[in-house]
Amino acid sequence: MNGLIVIVEDEKDILELMEYHLAKEGFETIGFLNTKHVTDVLEEESVDLILMDRNLPGAEGSEFVESLRKKGIHTPVIFVSAKQKEEDIEQGFERGGDDYITKPFSMKELVLRVKAMLRRTKKLSPEGNITYRDISVNLAARTVMIEGIPVELTKLEFDLLHALIVNENVVLDRDYLLENVWGSDEVYQDRTVNVAINRLKEKIDPDKSKEYIKTVRGVGYTLC
């Protein structure tokens, strides 16, 4: 088995199609038509990834994910949604998503994104601590402290911060980040990186007083 994936999709035909194609690739799936019992499964099972629709009966998918994050559940999430305006996508990331697929989509793209996400989340298996200025990162526990105060990051944000710190004196371009943080450079867009970087900045420097991350226009990102 390549991993356990929870799928929340209210259209039964799409849900069954997603389950079929992921099963062909060796994944185990648990499908739901709504969010009613999802939290129970996340607390009881070792889930590797959530595929989450947004237009669901009784709950808006991104609001549900935001509630999971507040409960301390940081399982990676890929939104699969017909909400495709730029502000919708940004909102998905802001509420705790790690990636976003807009409908309609191909099953090939879905499988590629799932594999890329799982490669990224399993890629870093480090030990010990790394520091940058007043940021302390515990790599084994995957926790971040700034001036001794815990900062809650998603898996994507943690991996992005890790990549920036271990390449402290290097400008990392978007292609590098897509390949080494997301795990692939084939199925993502530049705005994916931009949104994630901005979200990370908001988490680690909410009042914009420390400016940890510098944007090098036309090139990429580096630590200041």
Foldseek 3Di string as FASTA:
>chain_A
DLFEEEEAAQPVVVQVVLCVLVVVVPYHYDYHNACPCVVVCLVVDVHQEYEFEQPGPPHGGLQVLLVCVVVVRQRAYEYEYQPDDPVVQLSSVLSRHLYYHHPPDDSVLVVVQVVLQSCQLPVQCDAAWDDDDQWIAGSNVRWIDGVNHTFDDHSLLSLVVVVQRVPAPDFQFPQNCCCRRSNDNPNDDPVSVVSSVVSSCCRPPVPPPPQQKDADPPGHIHGD
